[in-house]
Amino acid sequence: IRIEIVSMQACSKVDLHIDYGGSLETHSRTHIPLQTNEGCVFTVGDESKHLKVGEIWEINNGGKEHGVINDSNVGRIHMIVDYKKDIVNKLI
């Protein structure tokens, strides 16, 4: 239903917060790292991970505290894809 390309500047962070909204309750969300580095860490709840280029992460963070730290001199770029899982399942 939606694709976004999001950029995060070097040496920056997105404070822990909670997203709300109907879309997160009815659709799945994936993060596809396009440019990143070991200094970028994504936190959802109690789990923190570096999401590597070439990986696809389903992160359904609706109602969960989450944030990102980019503790490096390189920007981070992710493609975020929201989709209806039942429609994708019919296609495959």
PDB file of N, CA and C in Angstrom:
ATOM      1  N   ILE A   1       0.811  -1.204   0.000  1.00  0.00           N
ATOM      2  CA  ILE A   1       0.000   0.000   0.000  1.00  0.00           C
ATOM      3  C   ILE A   1       0.848   1.258   0.000  1.00  0.00           C
ATOM      4  N   ARG A   2       2.115   1.116   0.448  1.00  0.00           N
ATOM      5  CA  ARG A   2       2.974   2.298   0.513  1.00  0.00           C
ATOM      6  C   ARG A   2       4.434   1.876   0.497  1.00  0.00           C
ATOM      7  N   ILE A   3       5.248   2.660  -0.197  1.00  0.00           N
ATOM      8  CA  ILE A   3       6.706   2.487  -0.191  1.00  0.00           C
ATOM      9  C   ILE A   3       7.308   3.851   0.091  1.00  0.00           C
ATOM     10  N   GLU A   4       8.235   3.894   1.047  1.00  0.00           N
ATOM     11  CA  GLU A   4       8.939   5.128   1.386  1.00  0.00           C
ATOM     12  C   GLU A   4      10.436   4.865   1.346  1.00  0.00           C
ATOM     13  N   ILE A   5      11.180   5.834   0.904  1.00  0.00           N
ATOM     14  CA  ILE A   5      12.637   5.819   1.038  1.00  0.00           C
ATOM     15  C   ILE A   5      12.955   6.847   2.120  1.00  0.00           C
ATOM     16  N   VAL A   6      13.557   6.392   3.219  1.00  0.00           N
ATOM     17  CA  VAL A   6      13.836   7.281   4.342  1.00  0.00           C
ATOM     18  C   VAL A   6      15.340   7.388   4.555  1.00  0.00           C
ATOM     19  N   SER A   7      15.769   8.600   4.809  1.00  0.00           N
ATOM     20  CA  SER A   7      17.179   8.886   5.009  1.00  0.00           C
ATOM     21  C   SER A   7      17.388   9.368   6.437  1.00  0.00           C
ATOM     22  N   MET A   8      18.459   8.913   7.035  1.00  0.00           N
ATOM     23  CA  MET A   8      18.820   9.337   8.384  1.00  0.00           C
ATOM     24  C   MET A   8      20.234   9.881   8.336  1.00  0.00           C
ATOM     25  N   GLN A   9      20.414  11.089   8.809  1.00  0.00           N
ATOM     26  CA  GLN A   9      21.732  11.712   8.758  1.00  0.00           C
ATOM     27  C   GLN A   9      22.728  11.003   9.664  1.00  0.00           C
ATOM     28  N   ALA A  10      23.998  11.174   9.344  1.00  0.00           N
ATOM     29  CA  ALA A  10      25.072  10.658  10.193  1.00  0.00           C
ATOM     30  C   ALA A  10      24.976  11.293  11.576  1.00  0.00           C
ATOM     31  N   CYS A  11      25.432  10.566  12.574  1.00  0.00           N
ATOM     32  CA  CYS A  11      25.482  11.069  13.964  1.00  0.00           C
ATOM     33  C   CYS A  11      24.135  11.630  14.412  1.00  0.00           C
ATOM     34  N   SER A  12      23.077  10.859  14.216  1.00  0.00           N
ATOM     35  CA  SER A  12      21.748  11.321  14.604  1.00  0.00           C
ATOM     36  C   SER A  12      20.970  10.174  15.239  1.00  0.00           C
ATOM     37  N   LYS A  13      19.785  10.501  15.737  1.00  0.00           N
ATOM     38  CA  LYS A  13      18.952   9.456  16.312  1.00  0.00           C
ATOM     39  C   LYS A  13      17.487   9.804  16.181  1.00  0.00           C
ATOM     40  N   VAL A  14      16.676   8.773  16.229  1.00  0.00           N
ATOM     41  CA  VAL A  14      15.232   8.909  16.333  1.00  0.00           C
ATOM     42  C   VAL A  14      14.902   8.392  17.725  1.00  0.00           C
ATOM     43  N   ASP A  15      14.453   9.302  18.597  1.00  0.00           N
ATOM     44  CA  ASP A  15      14.162   8.914  19.973  1.00  0.00           C
ATOM     45  C   ASP A  15      13.120   7.810  20.031  1.00  0.00           C
ATOM     46  N   LEU A  16      13.165   7.038  21.103  1.00  0.00           N
ATOM     47  CA  LEU A  16      12.159   5.999  21.312  1.00  0.00           C
ATOM     48  C   LEU A  16      10.769   6.632  21.304  1.00  0.00           C
ATOM     49  N   HIS A  17       9.852   6.006  20.557  1.00  0.00           N
ATOM     50  CA  HIS A  17       8.488   6.502  20.438  1.00  0.00           C
ATOM     51  C   HIS A  17       7.581   5.343  20.063  1.00  0.00           C
ATOM     52  N   ILE A  18       6.286   5.581  20.061  1.00  0.00           N
ATOM     53  CA  ILE A  18       5.303   4.571  19.681  1.00  0.00           C
ATOM     54  C   ILE A  18       4.472   5.120  18.532  1.00  0.00           C
ATOM     55  N   ASP A  19       4.337   4.328  17.457  1.00  0.00           N
ATOM     56  CA  ASP A  19       3.482   4.687  16.326  1.00  0.00           C
ATOM     57  C   ASP A  19       2.092   4.095  16.559  1.00  0.00           C
ATOM     58  N   TYR A  20       1.089   4.854  16.178  1.00  0.00           N
ATOM     59  CA  TYR A  20      -0.289   4.377  16.247  1.00  0.00           C
ATOM     60  C   TYR A  20      -0.931   4.579  14.888  1.00  0.00           C
ATOM     61  N   GLY A  21      -1.957   3.806  14.618  1.00  0.00           N
ATOM     62  CA  GLY A  21      -2.685   4.013  13.372  1.00  0.00           C
ATOM     63  C   GLY A  21      -3.223   2.711  12.818  1.00  0.00           C
ATOM     64  N   GLY A  22      -4.314   2.822  12.099  1.00  0.00           N
ATOM     65  CA  GLY A  22      -4.967   1.653  11.535  1.00  0.00           C
ATOM     66  C   GLY A  22      -4.103   0.862  10.579  1.00  0.00           C
ATOM     67  N   SER A  23      -3.272   1.553   9.824  1.00  0.00           N
ATOM     68  CA  SER A  23      -2.434   0.865   8.840  1.00  0.00           C
ATOM     69  C   SER A  23      -1.519  -0.161   9.506  1.00  0.00           C
ATOM     70  N   LEU A  24      -0.938   0.196  10.649  1.00  0.00           N
ATOM     71  CA  LEU A  24      -0.036  -0.732  11.326  1.00  0.00           C
ATOM     72  C   LEU A  24      -0.774  -1.910  11.937  1.00  0.00           C
ATOM     73  N   GLU A  25      -2.076  -1.777  12.146  1.00  0.00           N
ATOM     74  CA  GLU A  25      -2.867  -2.875  12.690  1.00  0.00           C
ATOM     75  C   GLU A  25      -3.317  -3.852  11.611  1.00  0.00           C
ATOM     76  N   THR A  26      -3.394  -3.392  10.372  1.00  0.00           N
ATOM     77  CA  THR A  26      -3.954  -4.229   9.301  1.00  0.00           C
ATOM     78  C   THR A  26      -2.957  -4.596   8.213  1.00  0.00           C
ATOM     79  N   HIS A  27      -1.758  -4.020   8.246  1.00  0.00           N
ATOM     80  CA  HIS A  27      -0.771  -4.275   7.206  1.00  0.00           C
ATOM     81  C   HIS A  27       0.560  -4.675   7.817  1.00  0.00           C
ATOM     82  N   SER A  28       1.390  -5.312   7.013  1.00  0.00           N
ATOM     83  CA  SER A  28       2.732  -5.682   7.435  1.00  0.00           C
ATOM     84  C   SER A  28       3.713  -4.629   6.959  1.00  0.00           C
ATOM     85  N   ARG A  29       4.821  -4.487   7.683  1.00  0.00           N
ATOM     86  CA  ARG A  29       5.830  -3.482   7.344  1.00  0.00           C
ATOM     87  C   ARG A  29       7.190  -4.162   7.274  1.00  0.00           C
ATOM     88  N   THR A  30       7.919  -3.872   6.182  1.00  0.00           N
ATOM     89  CA  THR A  30       9.291  -4.355   6.062  1.00  0.00           C
ATOM     90  C   THR A  30      10.241  -3.175   5.922  1.00  0.00           C
ATOM     91  N   HIS A  31      11.434  -3.370   6.456  1.00  0.00           N
ATOM     92  CA  HIS A  31      12.542  -2.429   6.276  1.00  0.00           C
ATOM     93  C   HIS A  31      13.569  -3.115   5.398  1.00  0.00           C
ATOM     94  N   ILE A  32      14.010  -2.432   4.359  1.00  0.00           N
ATOM     95  CA  ILE A  32      15.036  -2.950   3.457  1.00  0.00           C
ATOM     96  C   ILE A  32      16.185  -1.943   3.473  1.00  0.00           C
ATOM     97  N   PRO A  33      17.267  -2.257   4.195  1.00  0.00           N
ATOM     98  CA  PRO A  33      18.403  -1.335   4.256  1.00  0.00           C
ATOM     99  C   PRO A  33      19.075  -1.201   2.886  1.00  0.00           C
ATOM    100  N   LEU A  34      19.243   0.033   2.412  1.00  0.00           N
ATOM    101  CA  LEU A  34      19.919   0.308   1.145  1.00  0.00           C
ATOM    102  C   LEU A  34      21.333   0.834   1.378  1.00  0.00           C
ATOM    103  N   GLN A  35      21.504   1.579   2.463  1.00  0.00           N
ATOM    104  CA  GLN A  35      22.819   2.085   2.861  1.00  0.00           C
ATOM    105  C   GLN A  35      22.822   2.148   4.387  1.00  0.00           C
ATOM    106  N   THR A  36      23.814   1.528   4.986  1.00  0.00           N
ATOM    107  CA  THR A  36      23.884   1.497   6.441  1.00  0.00           C
ATOM    108  C   THR A  36      25.305   1.179   6.869  1.00  0.00           C
ATOM    109  N   ASN A  37      25.508   1.067   8.148  1.00  0.00           N
ATOM    110  CA  ASN A  37      26.816   0.705   8.695  1.00  0.00           C
ATOM    111  C   ASN A  37      26.614   0.158  10.095  1.00  0.00           C
ATOM    112  N   GLU A  38      27.657  -0.411  10.665  1.00  0.00           N
ATOM    113  CA  GLU A  38      27.574  -1.070  11.978  1.00  0.00           C
ATOM    114  C   GLU A  38      27.148  -0.116  13.085  1.00  0.00           C
ATOM    115  N   GLY A  39      27.320   1.197  12.884  1.00  0.00           N
ATOM    116  CA  GLY A  39      26.942   2.162  13.905  1.00  0.00           C
ATOM    117  C   GLY A  39      25.452   2.453  13.971  1.00  0.00           C
ATOM    118  N   CYS A  40      24.681   1.896  13.034  1.00  0.00           N
ATOM    119  CA  CYS A  40      23.228   2.094  13.028  1.00  0.00           C
ATOM    120  C   CYS A  40      22.560   0.934  13.759  1.00  0.00           C
ATOM    121  N   VAL A  41      21.791   1.267  14.766  1.00  0.00           N
ATOM    122  CA  VAL A  41      21.121   0.245  15.564  1.00  0.00           C
ATOM    123  C   VAL A  41      19.650   0.606  15.686  1.00  0.00           C
ATOM    124  N   PHE A  42      18.793  -0.347  15.345  1.00  0.00           N
ATOM    125  CA  PHE A  42      17.339  -0.196  15.390  1.00  0.00           C
ATOM    126  C   PHE A  42      16.851  -0.943  16.624  1.00  0.00           C
ATOM    127  N   THR A  43      16.064  -0.293  17.455  1.00  0.00           N
ATOM    128  CA  THR A  43      15.542  -0.913  18.672  1.00  0.00           C
ATOM    129  C   THR A  43      14.026  -0.981  18.598  1.00  0.00           C
ATOM    130  N   VAL A  44      13.484  -2.170  18.887  1.00  0.00           N
ATOM    131  CA  VAL A  44      12.044  -2.362  19.043  1.00  0.00           C
ATOM    132  C   VAL A  44      11.857  -3.126  20.351  1.00  0.00           C
ATOM    133  N   GLY A  45      11.150  -2.508  21.277  1.00  0.00           N
ATOM    134  CA  GLY A  45      10.979  -3.139  22.587  1.00  0.00           C
ATOM    135  C   GLY A  45      12.321  -3.308  23.268  1.00  0.00           C
ATOM    136  N   ASP A  46      12.611  -4.543  23.659  1.00  0.00           N
ATOM    137  CA  ASP A  46      13.870  -4.849  24.347  1.00  0.00           C
ATOM    138  C   ASP A  46      14.958  -5.353  23.409  1.00  0.00           C
ATOM    139  N   GLU A  47      14.694  -5.379  22.115  1.00  0.00           N
ATOM    140  CA  GLU A  47      15.642  -5.951  21.155  1.00  0.00           C
ATOM    141  C   GLU A  47      16.265  -4.854  20.294  1.00  0.00           C
ATOM    142  N   SER A  48      17.596  -4.879  20.178  1.00  0.00           N
ATOM    143  CA  SER A  48      18.334  -3.927  19.341  1.00  0.00           C
ATOM    144  C   SER A  48      19.165  -4.700  18.328  1.00  0.00           C
ATOM    145  N   LYS A  49      19.149  -4.244  17.062  1.00  0.00           N
ATOM    146  CA  LYS A  49      19.877  -4.932  15.986  1.00  0.00           C
ATOM    147  C   LYS A  49      20.398  -3.934  14.970  1.00  0.00           C
ATOM    148  N   HIS A  50      21.508  -4.317  14.360  1.00  0.00           N
ATOM    149  CA  HIS A  50      21.995  -3.629  13.166  1.00  0.00           C
ATOM    150  C   HIS A  50      21.374  -4.348  11.976  1.00  0.00           C
ATOM    151  N   LEU A  51      20.632  -3.636  11.142  1.00  0.00           N
ATOM    152  CA  LEU A  51      19.987  -4.215   9.964  1.00  0.00           C
ATOM    153  C   LEU A  51      20.923  -4.011   8.777  1.00  0.00           C
ATOM    154  N   LYS A  52      21.383  -5.107   8.198  1.00  0.00           N
ATOM    155  CA  LYS A  52      22.418  -5.060   7.158  1.00  0.00           C
ATOM    156  C   LYS A  52      21.827  -4.919   5.758  1.00  0.00           C
ATOM    157  N   VAL A  53      22.600  -4.294   4.874  1.00  0.00           N
ATOM    158  CA  VAL A  53      22.241  -4.213   3.459  1.00  0.00           C
ATOM    159  C   VAL A  53      22.106  -5.638   2.924  1.00  0.00           C
ATOM    160  N   GLY A  54      21.084  -5.863   2.115  1.00  0.00           N
ATOM    161  CA  GLY A  54      20.841  -7.193   1.553  1.00  0.00           C
ATOM    162  C   GLY A  54      19.843  -7.996   2.364  1.00  0.00           C
ATOM    163  N   GLU A  55      19.460  -7.505   3.524  1.00  0.00           N
ATOM    164  CA  GLU A  55      18.480  -8.187   4.363  1.00  0.00           C
ATOM    165  C   GLU A  55      17.131  -7.491   4.226  1.00  0.00           C
ATOM    166  N   ILE A  56      16.068  -8.239   4.477  1.00  0.00           N
ATOM    167  CA  ILE A  56      14.713  -7.689   4.527  1.00  0.00           C
ATOM    168  C   ILE A  56      14.159  -8.058   5.896  1.00  0.00           C
ATOM    169  N   TRP A  57      13.719  -7.034   6.621  1.00  0.00           N
ATOM    170  CA  TRP A  57      13.229  -7.230   7.981  1.00  0.00           C
ATOM    171  C   TRP A  57      11.759  -6.865   8.064  1.00  0.00           C
ATOM    172  N   GLU A  58      10.935  -7.810   8.516  1.00  0.00           N
ATOM    173  CA  GLU A  58       9.546  -7.483   8.816  1.00  0.00           C
ATOM    174  C   GLU A  58       9.529  -6.946  10.245  1.00  0.00           C
ATOM    175  N   ILE A  59       9.164  -5.690  10.383  1.00  0.00           N
ATOM    176  CA  ILE A  59       9.146  -5.033  11.689  1.00  0.00           C
ATOM    177  C   ILE A  59       7.770  -4.407  11.860  1.00  0.00           C
ATOM    178  N   ASN A  60       6.905  -5.110  12.558  1.00  0.00           N
ATOM    179  CA  ASN A  60       5.573  -4.591  12.827  1.00  0.00           C
ATOM    180  C   ASN A  60       5.598  -3.959  14.208  1.00  0.00           C
ATOM    181  N   ASN A  61       5.900  -2.669  14.224  1.00  0.00           N
ATOM    182  CA  ASN A  61       6.170  -1.969  15.474  1.00  0.00           C
ATOM    183  C   ASN A  61       4.979  -1.192  15.999  1.00  0.00           C
ATOM    184  N   GLY A  62       3.796  -1.396  15.453  1.00  0.00           N
ATOM    185  CA  GLY A  62       2.627  -0.675  15.933  1.00  0.00           C
ATOM    186  C   GLY A  62       2.392  -0.930  17.413  1.00  0.00           C
ATOM    187  N   GLY A  63       2.297   0.128  18.179  1.00  0.00           N
ATOM    188  CA  GLY A  63       2.055   0.006  19.606  1.00  0.00           C
ATOM    189  C   GLY A  63       3.272  -0.383  20.422  1.00  0.00           C
ATOM    190  N   LYS A  64       4.429  -0.510  19.768  1.00  0.00           N
ATOM    191  CA  LYS A  64       5.662  -0.883  20.471  1.00  0.00           C
ATOM    192  C   LYS A  64       6.647   0.281  20.441  1.00  0.00           C
ATOM    193  N   GLU A  65       7.344   0.483  21.548  1.00  0.00           N
ATOM    194  CA  GLU A  65       8.360   1.532  21.600  1.00  0.00           C
ATOM    195  C   GLU A  65       9.525   1.153  20.696  1.00  0.00           C
ATOM    196  N   HIS A  66       9.970   2.100  19.879  1.00  0.00           N
ATOM    197  CA  HIS A  66      11.071   1.827  18.955  1.00  0.00           C
ATOM    198  C   HIS A  66      11.812   3.122  18.634  1.00  0.00           C
ATOM    199  N   GLY A  67      13.034   2.969  18.143  1.00  0.00           N
ATOM    200  CA  GLY A  67      13.856   4.110  17.764  1.00  0.00           C
ATOM    201  C   GLY A  67      15.116   3.640  17.063  1.00  0.00           C
ATOM    202  N   VAL A  68      15.917   4.591  16.596  1.00  0.00           N
ATOM    203  CA  VAL A  68      17.134   4.283  15.841  1.00  0.00           C
ATOM    204  C   VAL A  68      18.254   5.210  16.301  1.00  0.00           C
ATOM    205  N   ILE A  69      19.444   4.652  16.382  1.00  0.00           N
ATOM    206  CA  ILE A  69      20.640   5.453  16.635  1.00  0.00           C
ATOM    207  C   ILE A  69      21.598   5.229  15.477  1.00  0.00           C
ATOM    208  N   ASN A  70      22.065   6.314  14.872  1.00  0.00           N
ATOM    209  CA  ASN A  70      23.102   6.233  13.839  1.00  0.00           C
ATOM    210  C   ASN A  70      24.357   6.878  14.424  1.00  0.00           C
ATOM    211  N   ASP A  71      25.158   6.071  15.043  1.00  0.00           N
ATOM    212  CA  ASP A  71      26.370   6.541  15.712  1.00  0.00           C
ATOM    213  C   ASP A  71      27.563   6.373  14.772  1.00  0.00           C
ATOM    214  N   SER A  72      27.493   7.024  13.612  1.00  0.00           N
ATOM    215  CA  SER A  72      28.562   6.919  12.616  1.00  0.00           C
ATOM    216  C   SER A  72      28.612   8.200  11.804  1.00  0.00           C
ATOM    217  N   ASN A  73      29.584   8.287  10.920  1.00  0.00           N
ATOM    218  CA  ASN A  73      29.739   9.443  10.046  1.00  0.00           C
ATOM    219  C   ASN A  73      29.110   9.234   8.682  1.00  0.00           C
ATOM    220  N   VAL A  74      28.285   8.195   8.542  1.00  0.00           N
ATOM    221  CA  VAL A  74      27.658   7.854   7.265  1.00  0.00           C
ATOM    222  C   VAL A  74      26.144   7.840   7.450  1.00  0.00           C
ATOM    223  N   GLY A  75      25.425   8.378   6.479  1.00  0.00           N
ATOM    224  CA  GLY A  75      23.969   8.369   6.530  1.00  0.00           C
ATOM    225  C   GLY A  75      23.411   6.970   6.334  1.00  0.00           C
ATOM    226  N   ARG A  76      22.186   6.783   6.772  1.00  0.00           N
ATOM    227  CA  ARG A  76      21.487   5.513   6.629  1.00  0.00           C
ATOM    228  C   ARG A  76      20.293   5.737   5.714  1.00  0.00           C
ATOM    229  N   ILE A  77      20.056   4.807   4.783  1.00  0.00           N
ATOM    230  CA  ILE A  77      18.901   4.878   3.890  1.00  0.00           C
ATOM    231  C   ILE A  77      18.173   3.536   3.940  1.00  0.00           C
ATOM    232  N   HIS A  78      16.890   3.580   4.229  1.00  0.00           N
ATOM    233  CA  HIS A  78      16.044   2.383   4.237  1.00  0.00           C
ATOM    234  C   HIS A  78      14.872   2.585   3.296  1.00  0.00           C
ATOM    235  N   MET A  79      14.449   1.495   2.661  1.00  0.00           N
ATOM    236  CA  MET A  79      13.174   1.475   1.964  1.00  0.00           C
ATOM    237  C   MET A  79      12.193   0.783   2.914  1.00  0.00           C
ATOM    238  N   ILE A  80      11.066   1.440   3.181  1.00  0.00           N
ATOM    239  CA  ILE A  80      10.034   0.876   4.049  1.00  0.00           C
ATOM    240  C   ILE A  80       8.838   0.546   3.171  1.00  0.00           C
ATOM    241  N   VAL A  81       8.397  -0.705   3.239  1.00  0.00           N
ATOM    242  CA  VAL A  81       7.290  -1.173   2.406  1.00  0.00           C
ATOM    243  C   VAL A  81       6.171  -1.666   3.323  1.00  0.00           C
ATOM    244  N   ASP A  82       4.986  -1.051   3.217  1.00  0.00           N
ATOM    245  CA  ASP A  82       3.792  -1.510   3.914  1.00  0.00           C
ATOM    246  C   ASP A  82       2.925  -2.235   2.894  1.00  0.00           C
ATOM    247  N   TYR A  83       2.434  -3.406   3.262  1.00  0.00           N
ATOM    248  CA  TYR A  83       1.657  -4.203   2.319  1.00  0.00           C
ATOM    249  C   TYR A  83       0.627  -5.046   3.057  1.00  0.00           C
ATOM    250  N   LYS A  84      -0.375  -5.491   2.299  1.00  0.00           N
ATOM    251  CA  LYS A  84      -1.383  -6.394   2.846  1.00  0.00           C
ATOM    252  C   LYS A  84      -0.882  -7.823   2.647  1.00  0.00           C
ATOM    253  N   LYS A  85      -0.613  -8.495   3.739  1.00  0.00           N
ATOM    254  CA  LYS A  85      -0.015  -9.824   3.688  1.00  0.00           C
ATOM    255  C   LYS A  85      -0.900 -10.825   2.943  1.00  0.00           C
ATOM    256  N   ASP A  86      -2.211 -10.758   3.119  1.00  0.00           N
ATOM    257  CA  ASP A  86      -3.087 -11.718   2.463  1.00  0.00           C
ATOM    258  C   ASP A  86      -3.044 -11.587   0.944  1.00  0.00           C
ATOM    259  N   ILE A  87      -2.874 -10.367   0.429  1.00  0.00           N
ATOM    260  CA  ILE A  87      -2.783 -10.166  -1.023  1.00  0.00           C
ATOM    261  C   ILE A  87      -1.454 -10.738  -1.539  1.00  0.00           C
ATOM    262  N   VAL A  88      -0.363 -10.498  -0.826  1.00  0.00           N
ATOM    263  CA  VAL A  88       0.939 -11.037  -1.235  1.00  0.00           C
ATOM    264  C   VAL A  88       0.902 -12.562  -1.205  1.00  0.00           C
ATOM    265  N   ASN A  89       0.291 -13.155  -0.203  1.00  0.00           N
ATOM    266  CA  ASN A  89       0.191 -14.618  -0.113  1.00  0.00           C
ATOM    267  C   ASN A  89      -0.553 -15.205  -1.304  1.00  0.00           C
ATOM    268  N   LYS A  90      -1.543 -14.511  -1.829  1.00  0.00           N
ATOM    269  CA  LYS A  90      -2.287 -14.985  -3.003  1.00  0.00           C
ATOM    270  C   LYS A  90      -1.404 -14.965  -4.250  1.00  0.00           C
ATOM    271  N   LEU A  91      -0.441 -14.042  -4.301  1.00  0.00           N
ATOM    272  CA  LEU A  91       0.411 -13.918  -5.476  1.00  0.00           C
ATOM    273  C   LEU A  91       1.523 -14.968  -5.523  1.00  0.00           C
ATOM    274  N   ILE A  92       1.889 -15.510  -4.380  1.00  0.00           N
ATOM    275  CA  ILE A  92       3.004 -16.474  -4.364  1.00  0.00           C
ATOM    276  C   ILE A  92       2.565 -17.899  -4.179  1.00  0.00           C
TER     277      ILE A  92
END
